[in-house]
């Protein structure tokens, strides 16, 4: 059996810290509906939010799915306009935001925007034109939702990198925000 030195234990403790933060964000959102006798897997269309939703153009409250879809649409528009700061408005501006991609775990809004800057705005890089498709928005409770979908960039050289993503949204006083993003690439 291999013994673990102090460096290996320290690295393992960091993994547990990220897992703990992620679970501490997600667990209360999943337990609340179950404690109230609701299924945690009901879709946004089946479970209207208990809190008042923002009114739509018709004066009727918008569903959680419609509110979340509007956030994603605004992100695509901001990205395609080259406005990374506006794109990031969809994310929870907190050190507890988590972003997993390419085998890396990032914590915090600042680390997430820095990753985007290095990957898409650094010299010799481009943002391209973003598109989201195959959206599946499932409300997990009055203040939590999971979104699965596909992303694709169209670059100036005709290449189209893309992949899948899973987002966890949480409803705050100011509205729905992404608290966790797990993005994978086809490459």
N, C-alpha and C. Protein backbone atom coordinates (compact mmCIF):
# COMPACT_ATOMS: atom_id res chain seq x y z
N UNK A 1 0.84 -1.19 0.00
CA UNK A 1 0.00 0.00 0.00
C UNK A 1 0.88 1.25 0.00
N UNK A 2 0.53 2.20 -0.81
CA UNK A 2 1.32 3.40 -0.97
C UNK A 2 1.00 4.38 0.15
N UNK A 3 2.03 4.94 0.76
CA UNK A 3 1.78 5.93 1.82
C UNK A 3 1.67 7.31 1.17
N UNK A 4 0.88 8.13 1.78
CA UNK A 4 0.67 9.47 1.25
C UNK A 4 1.49 10.45 2.06
N UNK A 5 2.31 11.23 1.37
CA UNK A 5 3.11 12.24 2.02
C UNK A 5 2.29 13.49 2.28
N UNK A 6 2.89 14.47 2.95
CA UNK A 6 2.16 15.70 3.27
C UNK A 6 1.63 16.42 2.04
N UNK A 7 2.41 16.42 0.93
CA UNK A 7 1.94 17.11 -0.28
C UNK A 7 0.71 16.42 -0.86
N UNK A 8 0.70 15.10 -0.90
CA UNK A 8 -0.44 14.36 -1.43
C UNK A 8 -1.66 14.59 -0.57
N UNK A 9 -1.49 14.60 0.74
CA UNK A 9 -2.63 14.84 1.64
C UNK A 9 -3.16 16.25 1.45
N UNK A 10 -2.27 17.23 1.29
CA UNK A 10 -2.69 18.62 1.09
C UNK A 10 -3.49 18.75 -0.20
N UNK A 11 -3.05 18.11 -1.28
CA UNK A 11 -3.79 18.16 -2.55
C UNK A 11 -5.14 17.52 -2.39
N UNK A 12 -5.21 16.40 -1.67
CA UNK A 12 -6.48 15.70 -1.46
C UNK A 12 -7.43 16.56 -0.64
N UNK A 13 -6.89 17.28 0.37
CA UNK A 13 -7.73 18.16 1.18
C UNK A 13 -8.33 19.25 0.32
N UNK A 14 -7.58 19.78 -0.66
CA UNK A 14 -8.10 20.80 -1.57
C UNK A 14 -9.26 20.27 -2.40
N UNK A 15 -9.16 19.00 -2.86
CA UNK A 15 -10.26 18.38 -3.60
C UNK A 15 -11.50 18.31 -2.72
N UNK A 16 -11.31 17.91 -1.48
CA UNK A 16 -12.45 17.81 -0.57
C UNK A 16 -13.08 19.16 -0.29
N UNK A 17 -12.25 20.22 -0.22
CA UNK A 17 -12.78 21.55 0.01
C UNK A 17 -13.68 21.99 -1.13
N UNK A 18 -13.26 21.75 -2.37
CA UNK A 18 -14.08 22.11 -3.53
C UNK A 18 -15.37 21.29 -3.52
N UNK A 19 -15.25 19.99 -3.25
CA UNK A 19 -16.45 19.15 -3.19
C UNK A 19 -17.40 19.63 -2.10
N UNK A 20 -16.85 19.99 -0.94
CA UNK A 20 -17.68 20.46 0.16
C UNK A 20 -18.41 21.75 -0.23
N UNK A 21 -17.68 22.70 -0.83
CA UNK A 21 -18.31 23.96 -1.24
C UNK A 21 -19.44 23.70 -2.23
N UNK A 22 -19.17 22.82 -3.21
CA UNK A 22 -20.17 22.51 -4.22
C UNK A 22 -21.40 21.88 -3.56
N UNK A 23 -21.17 20.88 -2.70
CA UNK A 23 -22.29 20.21 -2.04
C UNK A 23 -23.01 21.13 -1.08
N UNK A 24 -22.28 22.02 -0.41
CA UNK A 24 -22.94 22.94 0.51
C UNK A 24 -23.85 23.91 -0.22
N UNK A 25 -23.55 24.19 -1.49
CA UNK A 25 -24.43 25.04 -2.31
C UNK A 25 -25.64 24.25 -2.81
N UNK A 26 -25.40 23.02 -3.23
CA UNK A 26 -26.43 22.23 -3.89
C UNK A 26 -27.38 21.53 -2.92
N UNK A 27 -26.85 20.99 -1.84
CA UNK A 27 -27.65 20.16 -0.94
C UNK A 27 -28.88 20.88 -0.37
N UNK A 28 -28.75 22.12 0.16
CA UNK A 28 -29.95 22.79 0.67
C UNK A 28 -31.01 23.02 -0.41
N UNK A 29 -30.55 23.21 -1.64
CA UNK A 29 -31.49 23.44 -2.73
C UNK A 29 -32.26 22.17 -3.07
N UNK A 30 -31.63 21.03 -2.88
CA UNK A 30 -32.29 19.76 -3.17
C UNK A 30 -33.15 19.28 -2.02
N UNK A 31 -32.73 19.55 -0.79
CA UNK A 31 -33.44 19.05 0.38
C UNK A 31 -34.74 19.81 0.61
N UNK A 32 -34.74 21.12 0.39
CA UNK A 32 -35.92 21.94 0.68
C UNK A 32 -37.19 21.41 0.01
N UNK A 33 -37.18 21.08 -1.29
CA UNK A 33 -38.41 20.58 -1.90
C UNK A 33 -38.83 19.22 -1.33
N UNK A 34 -37.87 18.37 -1.02
CA UNK A 34 -38.19 17.05 -0.48
C UNK A 34 -38.81 17.18 0.89
N UNK A 35 -38.27 18.11 1.70
CA UNK A 35 -38.80 18.32 3.04
C UNK A 35 -40.23 18.82 3.00
N UNK A 36 -40.61 19.44 1.92
CA UNK A 36 -41.98 19.95 1.76
C UNK A 36 -42.85 19.01 0.94
N UNK A 37 -42.40 17.76 0.74
CA UNK A 37 -43.20 16.77 0.05
C UNK A 37 -43.20 16.89 -1.46
N UNK A 38 -42.27 17.65 -2.04
CA UNK A 38 -42.22 17.80 -3.48
C UNK A 38 -41.12 16.93 -4.05
N UNK A 39 -41.27 16.54 -5.27
CA UNK A 39 -40.21 15.81 -5.97
C UNK A 39 -39.13 16.79 -6.38
N UNK A 40 -37.87 16.43 -6.18
CA UNK A 40 -36.77 17.30 -6.56
C UNK A 40 -36.52 17.28 -8.06
N UNK A 41 -37.20 16.42 -8.83
CA UNK A 41 -36.94 16.30 -10.26
C UNK A 41 -38.06 16.87 -11.12
N UNK A 42 -39.01 17.59 -10.55
CA UNK A 42 -40.08 18.16 -11.38
C UNK A 42 -39.51 19.22 -12.30
N UNK A 43 -40.05 19.28 -13.49
CA UNK A 43 -39.54 20.25 -14.45
C UNK A 43 -40.07 21.64 -14.15
N UNK A 44 -39.43 22.63 -14.75
CA UNK A 44 -39.84 24.01 -14.55
C UNK A 44 -41.28 24.22 -15.02
N UNK A 45 -41.71 23.47 -16.03
CA UNK A 45 -43.07 23.63 -16.52
C UNK A 45 -44.08 23.02 -15.54
N UNK A 46 -43.69 22.00 -14.79
CA UNK A 46 -44.61 21.34 -13.87
C UNK A 46 -44.67 22.00 -12.51
N UNK A 47 -43.62 22.70 -12.10
CA UNK A 47 -43.56 23.27 -10.76
C UNK A 47 -43.39 24.77 -10.85
N UNK A 48 -44.47 25.52 -10.74
CA UNK A 48 -44.31 26.97 -10.76
C UNK A 48 -43.58 27.43 -9.50
N UNK A 49 -42.76 28.47 -9.60
CA UNK A 49 -42.05 28.94 -8.42
C UNK A 49 -43.01 29.48 -7.38
N UNK A 50 -42.70 29.27 -6.11
CA UNK A 50 -43.55 29.77 -5.04
C UNK A 50 -43.42 31.28 -4.89
N UNK A 51 -42.23 31.82 -5.21
CA UNK A 51 -42.04 33.26 -5.14
C UNK A 51 -42.66 33.90 -6.38
N UNK A 52 -43.02 35.15 -6.24
CA UNK A 52 -43.56 35.85 -7.39
C UNK A 52 -42.47 35.99 -8.45
N UNK A 53 -42.83 35.67 -9.68
CA UNK A 53 -41.90 35.81 -10.80
C UNK A 53 -42.00 37.21 -11.36
N UNK A 54 -40.98 37.60 -12.09
CA UNK A 54 -41.02 38.89 -12.75
C UNK A 54 -42.09 38.85 -13.83
N UNK A 55 -42.87 39.91 -13.97
CA UNK A 55 -43.90 39.89 -15.00
C UNK A 55 -43.31 39.96 -16.39
N UNK A 56 -43.94 39.24 -17.32
CA UNK A 56 -43.54 39.27 -18.71
C UNK A 56 -44.19 40.44 -19.42
N UNK A 57 -44.07 40.48 -20.74
CA UNK A 57 -44.64 41.58 -21.52
C UNK A 57 -46.15 41.63 -21.41
N UNK A 58 -46.79 40.48 -21.18
CA UNK A 58 -48.25 40.44 -21.08
C UNK A 58 -48.74 40.76 -19.69
N UNK A 59 -47.83 41.00 -18.74
CA UNK A 59 -48.23 41.26 -17.36
C UNK A 59 -48.32 39.99 -16.53
N UNK A 60 -48.27 38.83 -17.19
CA UNK A 60 -48.30 37.55 -16.49
C UNK A 60 -46.91 37.23 -15.95
N UNK A 61 -46.82 36.55 -14.80
CA UNK A 61 -45.51 36.17 -14.29
C UNK A 61 -44.81 35.20 -15.25
N UNK A 62 -43.49 35.39 -15.41
CA UNK A 62 -42.71 34.49 -16.24
C UNK A 62 -42.33 33.28 -15.40
N UNK A 63 -42.28 32.13 -16.04
CA UNK A 63 -41.87 30.92 -15.34
C UNK A 63 -40.37 30.97 -15.09
N UNK A 64 -39.90 30.12 -14.18
CA UNK A 64 -38.47 30.04 -13.90
C UNK A 64 -37.73 29.67 -15.19
N UNK A 65 -38.28 28.75 -15.96
CA UNK A 65 -37.63 28.33 -17.20
C UNK A 65 -37.51 29.52 -18.16
N UNK A 66 -38.54 30.34 -18.25
CA UNK A 66 -38.49 31.51 -19.14
C UNK A 66 -37.47 32.53 -18.64
N UNK A 67 -37.39 32.72 -17.33
CA UNK A 67 -36.41 33.66 -16.77
C UNK A 67 -34.99 33.18 -17.04
N UNK A 68 -34.75 31.89 -16.84
CA UNK A 68 -33.43 31.32 -17.06
C UNK A 68 -33.06 31.36 -18.54
N UNK A 69 -34.01 31.04 -19.40
CA UNK A 69 -33.77 31.10 -20.85
C UNK A 69 -33.41 32.54 -21.26
N UNK A 70 -34.06 33.52 -20.66
CA UNK A 70 -33.75 34.93 -20.96
C UNK A 70 -32.32 35.28 -20.54
N UNK A 71 -31.86 34.73 -19.43
CA UNK A 71 -30.48 34.96 -18.99
C UNK A 71 -29.50 34.36 -19.98
N UNK A 72 -29.78 33.13 -20.42
CA UNK A 72 -28.91 32.47 -21.40
C UNK A 72 -28.91 33.21 -22.73
N UNK A 73 -30.07 33.69 -23.16
CA UNK A 73 -30.16 34.48 -24.40
C UNK A 73 -29.34 35.77 -24.27
N UNK A 74 -29.42 36.41 -23.10
CA UNK A 74 -28.65 37.64 -22.87
C UNK A 74 -27.15 37.34 -22.88
N UNK A 75 -26.76 36.17 -22.35
CA UNK A 75 -25.35 35.79 -22.38
C UNK A 75 -24.86 35.62 -23.81
N UNK A 76 -25.65 34.95 -24.63
CA UNK A 76 -25.27 34.75 -26.03
C UNK A 76 -25.12 36.11 -26.73
N UNK A 77 -26.08 37.00 -26.52
CA UNK A 77 -26.03 38.33 -27.16
C UNK A 77 -24.79 39.10 -26.69
N UNK A 78 -24.50 39.05 -25.40
CA UNK A 78 -23.33 39.77 -24.88
C UNK A 78 -22.04 39.17 -25.44
N UNK A 79 -21.95 37.84 -25.46
CA UNK A 79 -20.75 37.18 -26.01
C UNK A 79 -20.54 37.59 -27.46
N UNK A 80 -21.60 37.52 -28.24
CA UNK A 80 -21.49 37.80 -29.67
C UNK A 80 -21.20 39.28 -29.96
N UNK A 81 -21.45 40.14 -28.97
CA UNK A 81 -21.10 41.56 -29.08
C UNK A 81 -19.71 41.82 -28.52
N UNK A 82 -19.03 40.77 -28.04
CA UNK A 82 -17.69 40.93 -27.48
C UNK A 82 -17.67 41.53 -26.09
N UNK A 83 -18.80 41.46 -25.39
CA UNK A 83 -18.94 42.07 -24.06
C UNK A 83 -18.87 41.00 -22.97
N UNK A 84 -17.66 40.60 -22.64
CA UNK A 84 -17.45 39.53 -21.68
C UNK A 84 -18.00 39.87 -20.30
N UNK A 85 -17.86 41.11 -19.86
CA UNK A 85 -18.38 41.52 -18.55
C UNK A 85 -19.91 41.32 -18.49
N UNK A 86 -20.61 41.67 -19.57
CA UNK A 86 -22.06 41.48 -19.61
C UNK A 86 -22.41 40.00 -19.66
N UNK A 87 -21.62 39.21 -20.38
CA UNK A 87 -21.82 37.76 -20.40
C UNK A 87 -21.74 37.21 -18.97
N UNK A 88 -20.81 37.72 -18.20
CA UNK A 88 -20.60 37.24 -16.83
C UNK A 88 -21.70 37.67 -15.87
N UNK A 89 -22.60 38.58 -16.30
CA UNK A 89 -23.72 38.98 -15.45
C UNK A 89 -24.61 37.80 -15.09
N UNK A 90 -24.59 36.74 -15.91
CA UNK A 90 -25.41 35.57 -15.63
C UNK A 90 -24.86 34.71 -14.50
N UNK A 91 -23.61 34.97 -14.10
CA UNK A 91 -22.97 34.19 -13.04
C UNK A 91 -23.10 34.89 -11.69
N UNK A 92 -23.13 34.08 -10.65
CA UNK A 92 -23.14 34.56 -9.27
C UNK A 92 -21.80 35.23 -9.00
N UNK A 93 -21.81 36.48 -8.65
CA UNK A 93 -20.56 37.21 -8.38
C UNK A 93 -20.14 36.93 -6.94
N UNK A 94 -19.48 35.78 -6.78
CA UNK A 94 -19.12 35.30 -5.45
C UNK A 94 -17.85 34.46 -5.53
N UNK A 95 -17.07 34.42 -4.46
CA UNK A 95 -15.92 33.52 -4.43
C UNK A 95 -16.36 32.05 -4.36
N UNK A 96 -17.64 31.80 -4.10
CA UNK A 96 -18.15 30.44 -4.01
C UNK A 96 -18.69 29.90 -5.34
N UNK A 97 -18.70 30.72 -6.39
CA UNK A 97 -19.03 30.22 -7.72
C UNK A 97 -18.02 29.14 -8.10
N UNK A 98 -18.47 28.05 -8.71
CA UNK A 98 -17.55 27.02 -9.17
C UNK A 98 -17.67 26.84 -10.67
N UNK A 99 -16.53 26.60 -11.32
CA UNK A 99 -16.46 26.42 -12.77
C UNK A 99 -15.51 25.27 -13.04
N UNK A 100 -16.02 24.20 -13.65
CA UNK A 100 -15.22 23.03 -13.98
C UNK A 100 -15.13 22.91 -15.49
N UNK A 101 -13.91 22.81 -16.03
CA UNK A 101 -13.72 22.62 -17.46
C UNK A 101 -12.31 22.14 -17.73
N UNK A 102 -12.17 21.29 -18.74
CA UNK A 102 -10.86 20.80 -19.17
C UNK A 102 -10.06 20.21 -18.02
N UNK A 103 -10.73 19.54 -17.12
CA UNK A 103 -10.06 18.90 -16.00
C UNK A 103 -9.61 19.86 -14.90
N UNK A 104 -10.02 21.13 -14.99
CA UNK A 104 -9.64 22.13 -13.99
C UNK A 104 -10.85 22.55 -13.18
N UNK A 105 -10.61 22.82 -11.91
CA UNK A 105 -11.63 23.33 -11.00
C UNK A 105 -11.27 24.76 -10.64
N UNK A 106 -12.17 25.67 -10.92
CA UNK A 106 -11.97 27.06 -10.53
C UNK A 106 -13.01 27.43 -9.50
N UNK A 107 -12.62 28.30 -8.58
CA UNK A 107 -13.55 28.81 -7.59
C UNK A 107 -13.57 30.33 -7.69
N UNK A 108 -14.75 30.88 -7.80
CA UNK A 108 -14.91 32.32 -7.76
C UNK A 108 -15.19 32.97 -9.11
N UNK A 109 -15.93 34.07 -9.04
CA UNK A 109 -16.28 34.84 -10.23
C UNK A 109 -15.03 35.40 -10.88
N UNK A 110 -14.11 35.92 -10.07
CA UNK A 110 -12.89 36.53 -10.62
C UNK A 110 -12.05 35.51 -11.38
N UNK A 111 -11.90 34.31 -10.83
CA UNK A 111 -11.12 33.26 -11.51
C UNK A 111 -11.82 32.84 -12.81
N UNK A 112 -13.14 32.83 -12.79
CA UNK A 112 -13.90 32.41 -13.97
C UNK A 112 -13.75 33.42 -15.11
N UNK A 113 -13.90 34.70 -14.80
CA UNK A 113 -13.76 35.69 -15.88
C UNK A 113 -12.32 35.73 -16.38
N UNK A 114 -11.36 35.53 -15.49
CA UNK A 114 -9.96 35.52 -15.92
C UNK A 114 -9.70 34.36 -16.87
N UNK A 115 -10.29 33.20 -16.61
CA UNK A 115 -10.16 32.05 -17.51
C UNK A 115 -10.73 32.39 -18.88
N UNK A 116 -11.92 33.01 -18.90
CA UNK A 116 -12.53 33.41 -20.18
C UNK A 116 -11.62 34.40 -20.92
N UNK A 117 -11.07 35.37 -20.20
CA UNK A 117 -10.19 36.36 -20.85
C UNK A 117 -8.98 35.68 -21.49
N UNK A 118 -8.33 34.79 -20.74
CA UNK A 118 -7.13 34.12 -21.26
C UNK A 118 -7.46 33.21 -22.44
N UNK A 119 -8.62 32.55 -22.37
CA UNK A 119 -8.98 31.59 -23.40
C UNK A 119 -9.52 32.25 -24.67
N UNK A 120 -10.25 33.37 -24.52
CA UNK A 120 -10.96 33.93 -25.67
C UNK A 120 -10.61 35.38 -26.01
N UNK A 121 -9.90 36.10 -25.14
CA UNK A 121 -9.59 37.50 -25.44
C UNK A 121 -8.10 37.81 -25.45
N UNK A 122 -7.26 36.84 -25.15
CA UNK A 122 -5.82 37.07 -25.17
C UNK A 122 -5.35 37.26 -26.62
N UNK A 123 -4.13 37.76 -26.77
CA UNK A 123 -3.59 37.99 -28.10
C UNK A 123 -3.61 36.69 -28.91
N UNK A 124 -4.10 36.78 -30.14
CA UNK A 124 -4.19 35.62 -31.01
C UNK A 124 -5.43 34.76 -30.78
N UNK A 125 -6.28 35.16 -29.84
CA UNK A 125 -7.52 34.41 -29.54
C UNK A 125 -8.70 35.21 -30.06
N UNK A 126 -9.82 34.53 -30.22
CA UNK A 126 -11.05 35.23 -30.60
C UNK A 126 -12.24 34.60 -29.89
N UNK A 127 -13.27 35.40 -29.69
CA UNK A 127 -14.46 34.93 -29.01
C UNK A 127 -15.37 34.16 -29.97
N UNK A 128 -15.36 34.51 -31.24
CA UNK A 128 -16.24 33.84 -32.19
C UNK A 128 -17.70 34.18 -31.92
N UNK A 129 -18.58 33.45 -32.59
CA UNK A 129 -20.03 33.63 -32.40
C UNK A 129 -20.56 32.43 -31.64
N UNK A 130 -21.20 32.68 -30.50
CA UNK A 130 -21.69 31.64 -29.60
C UNK A 130 -23.13 31.28 -29.92
N UNK A 131 -23.43 30.00 -29.81
CA UNK A 131 -24.82 29.52 -29.92
C UNK A 131 -25.03 28.43 -28.87
N UNK A 132 -26.19 28.48 -28.21
CA UNK A 132 -26.61 27.41 -27.29
C UNK A 132 -27.73 26.63 -27.96
N UNK A 133 -27.75 25.32 -27.77
CA UNK A 133 -28.83 24.50 -28.31
C UNK A 133 -29.12 23.34 -27.35
N UNK A 134 -30.14 22.57 -27.68
CA UNK A 134 -30.54 21.40 -26.90
C UNK A 134 -30.73 21.73 -25.42
N UNK A 135 -31.32 22.88 -25.13
CA UNK A 135 -31.51 23.29 -23.74
C UNK A 135 -32.54 22.41 -23.04
N UNK A 136 -32.20 21.99 -21.83
CA UNK A 136 -33.11 21.25 -20.96
C UNK A 136 -33.05 21.94 -19.61
N UNK A 137 -34.11 22.66 -19.26
CA UNK A 137 -34.16 23.41 -18.00
C UNK A 137 -35.10 22.67 -17.06
N UNK A 138 -34.56 22.23 -15.93
CA UNK A 138 -35.34 21.51 -14.93
C UNK A 138 -35.29 22.27 -13.62
N UNK A 139 -36.46 22.66 -13.11
CA UNK A 139 -36.50 23.34 -11.82
C UNK A 139 -36.46 22.28 -10.73
N UNK A 140 -35.54 22.43 -9.79
CA UNK A 140 -35.37 21.47 -8.70
C UNK A 140 -36.13 21.87 -7.46
N UNK A 141 -36.56 23.08 -7.39
CA UNK A 141 -37.30 23.63 -6.26
C UNK A 141 -37.59 25.08 -6.56
N UNK A 142 -38.16 25.80 -5.62
CA UNK A 142 -38.51 27.20 -5.89
C UNK A 142 -37.31 28.09 -6.17
N UNK A 143 -36.13 27.68 -5.69
CA UNK A 143 -34.95 28.53 -5.83
C UNK A 143 -33.76 27.82 -6.47
N UNK A 144 -34.00 26.72 -7.16
CA UNK A 144 -32.89 25.98 -7.77
C UNK A 144 -33.33 25.36 -9.08
N UNK A 145 -32.40 25.33 -10.03
CA UNK A 145 -32.66 24.71 -11.33
C UNK A 145 -31.35 24.19 -11.90
N UNK A 146 -31.47 23.18 -12.74
CA UNK A 146 -30.31 22.66 -13.47
C UNK A 146 -30.61 22.82 -14.95
N UNK A 147 -29.59 23.21 -15.69
CA UNK A 147 -29.72 23.41 -17.13
C UNK A 147 -28.64 22.57 -17.82
N UNK A 148 -29.08 21.81 -18.79
CA UNK A 148 -28.15 21.04 -19.62
C UNK A 148 -28.30 21.53 -21.05
N UNK A 149 -27.19 21.57 -21.76
CA UNK A 149 -27.27 22.02 -23.14
C UNK A 149 -25.97 21.81 -23.88
N UNK A 150 -25.97 22.33 -25.09
CA UNK A 150 -24.83 22.23 -25.99
C UNK A 150 -24.40 23.65 -26.36
N UNK A 151 -23.10 23.88 -26.44
CA UNK A 151 -22.57 25.16 -26.88
C UNK A 151 -21.75 24.96 -28.15
N UNK A 152 -21.71 26.00 -28.97
CA UNK A 152 -20.89 25.95 -30.18
C UNK A 152 -20.42 27.36 -30.50
N UNK A 153 -19.15 27.47 -30.85
CA UNK A 153 -18.58 28.73 -31.32
C UNK A 153 -18.30 28.60 -32.81
N UNK A 154 -18.58 29.64 -33.55
CA UNK A 154 -18.19 29.70 -34.95
C UNK A 154 -17.07 30.73 -35.04
N UNK A 155 -15.88 30.25 -35.41
CA UNK A 155 -14.70 31.11 -35.47
C UNK A 155 -14.50 31.65 -36.88
N UNK A 156 -13.68 32.69 -37.00
CA UNK A 156 -13.48 33.35 -38.29
C UNK A 156 -12.84 32.43 -39.32
N UNK A 157 -12.11 31.41 -38.89
CA UNK A 157 -11.48 30.47 -39.83
C UNK A 157 -12.43 29.32 -40.23
N UNK A 158 -13.69 29.40 -39.76
CA UNK A 158 -14.67 28.38 -40.11
C UNK A 158 -14.74 27.22 -39.13
N UNK A 159 -13.79 27.12 -38.21
CA UNK A 159 -13.83 26.05 -37.21
C UNK A 159 -14.99 26.28 -36.27
N UNK A 160 -15.53 25.16 -35.75
CA UNK A 160 -16.69 25.24 -34.86
C UNK A 160 -16.47 24.37 -33.61
N UNK A 161 -15.63 24.87 -32.68
CA UNK A 161 -15.49 24.12 -31.43
C UNK A 161 -16.80 24.16 -30.66
N UNK A 162 -17.05 23.13 -29.88
CA UNK A 162 -18.28 23.08 -29.11
C UNK A 162 -18.20 22.00 -28.06
N UNK A 163 -19.31 21.77 -27.40
CA UNK A 163 -19.36 20.74 -26.36
C UNK A 163 -20.67 20.81 -25.60
N UNK A 164 -20.64 20.22 -24.43
CA UNK A 164 -21.82 20.15 -23.56
C UNK A 164 -21.57 20.95 -22.29
N UNK A 165 -22.66 21.34 -21.64
CA UNK A 165 -22.52 22.02 -20.35
C UNK A 165 -23.68 21.64 -19.44
N UNK A 166 -23.41 21.74 -18.15
CA UNK A 166 -24.42 21.59 -17.11
C UNK A 166 -24.26 22.80 -16.19
N UNK A 167 -25.34 23.52 -15.98
CA UNK A 167 -25.33 24.71 -15.13
C UNK A 167 -26.28 24.49 -13.96
N UNK A 168 -25.88 24.93 -12.80
CA UNK A 168 -26.80 24.96 -11.66
C UNK A 168 -27.11 26.42 -11.39
N UNK A 169 -28.40 26.73 -11.43
CA UNK A 169 -28.88 28.08 -11.17
C UNK A 169 -29.50 28.13 -9.78
N UNK A 170 -29.34 29.27 -9.14
CA UNK A 170 -29.98 29.51 -7.85
C UNK A 170 -30.67 30.87 -7.93
N UNK A 171 -31.87 30.94 -7.36
CA UNK A 171 -32.60 32.22 -7.37
C UNK A 171 -32.19 33.04 -6.15
N UNK A 172 -31.75 34.25 -6.41
CA UNK A 172 -31.40 35.21 -5.37
C UNK A 172 -32.42 36.35 -5.43
N UNK A 173 -32.32 37.29 -4.52
CA UNK A 173 -33.23 38.46 -4.53
C UNK A 173 -33.17 39.17 -5.88
N UNK A 174 -31.95 39.26 -6.46
CA UNK A 174 -31.80 39.97 -7.73
C UNK A 174 -32.11 39.09 -8.94
N UNK A 175 -32.49 37.84 -8.71
CA UNK A 175 -32.87 36.95 -9.81
C UNK A 175 -32.02 35.70 -9.87
N UNK A 176 -32.19 34.94 -10.93
CA UNK A 176 -31.48 33.69 -11.13
C UNK A 176 -30.03 33.95 -11.52
N UNK A 177 -29.12 33.16 -10.94
CA UNK A 177 -27.69 33.26 -11.26
C UNK A 177 -27.10 31.86 -11.35
N UNK A 178 -26.09 31.70 -12.19
CA UNK A 178 -25.36 30.43 -12.29
C UNK A 178 -24.43 30.35 -11.09
N UNK A 179 -24.56 29.28 -10.29
CA UNK A 179 -23.67 29.08 -9.14
C UNK A 179 -22.64 27.99 -9.42
N UNK A 180 -22.89 27.18 -10.46
CA UNK A 180 -21.93 26.14 -10.86
C UNK A 180 -22.05 25.91 -12.37
N UNK A 181 -20.90 25.82 -13.03
CA UNK A 181 -20.82 25.58 -14.47
C UNK A 181 -19.83 24.45 -14.70
N UNK A 182 -20.30 23.40 -15.35
CA UNK A 182 -19.41 22.28 -15.75
C UNK A 182 -19.52 22.18 -17.27
N UNK A 183 -18.46 22.59 -17.94
CA UNK A 183 -18.45 22.65 -19.41
C UNK A 183 -17.42 21.67 -19.95
N UNK A 184 -17.81 20.92 -20.97
CA UNK A 184 -16.87 20.02 -21.63
C UNK A 184 -16.77 20.41 -23.10
N UNK A 185 -15.68 19.98 -23.73
CA UNK A 185 -15.41 20.32 -25.11
C UNK A 185 -15.40 19.06 -25.96
N UNK A 186 -15.81 19.18 -27.20
CA UNK A 186 -15.76 18.04 -28.15
C UNK A 186 -14.32 17.74 -28.56
N UNK A 187 -13.42 18.71 -28.39
CA UNK A 187 -12.03 18.53 -28.83
C UNK A 187 -11.26 17.69 -27.86
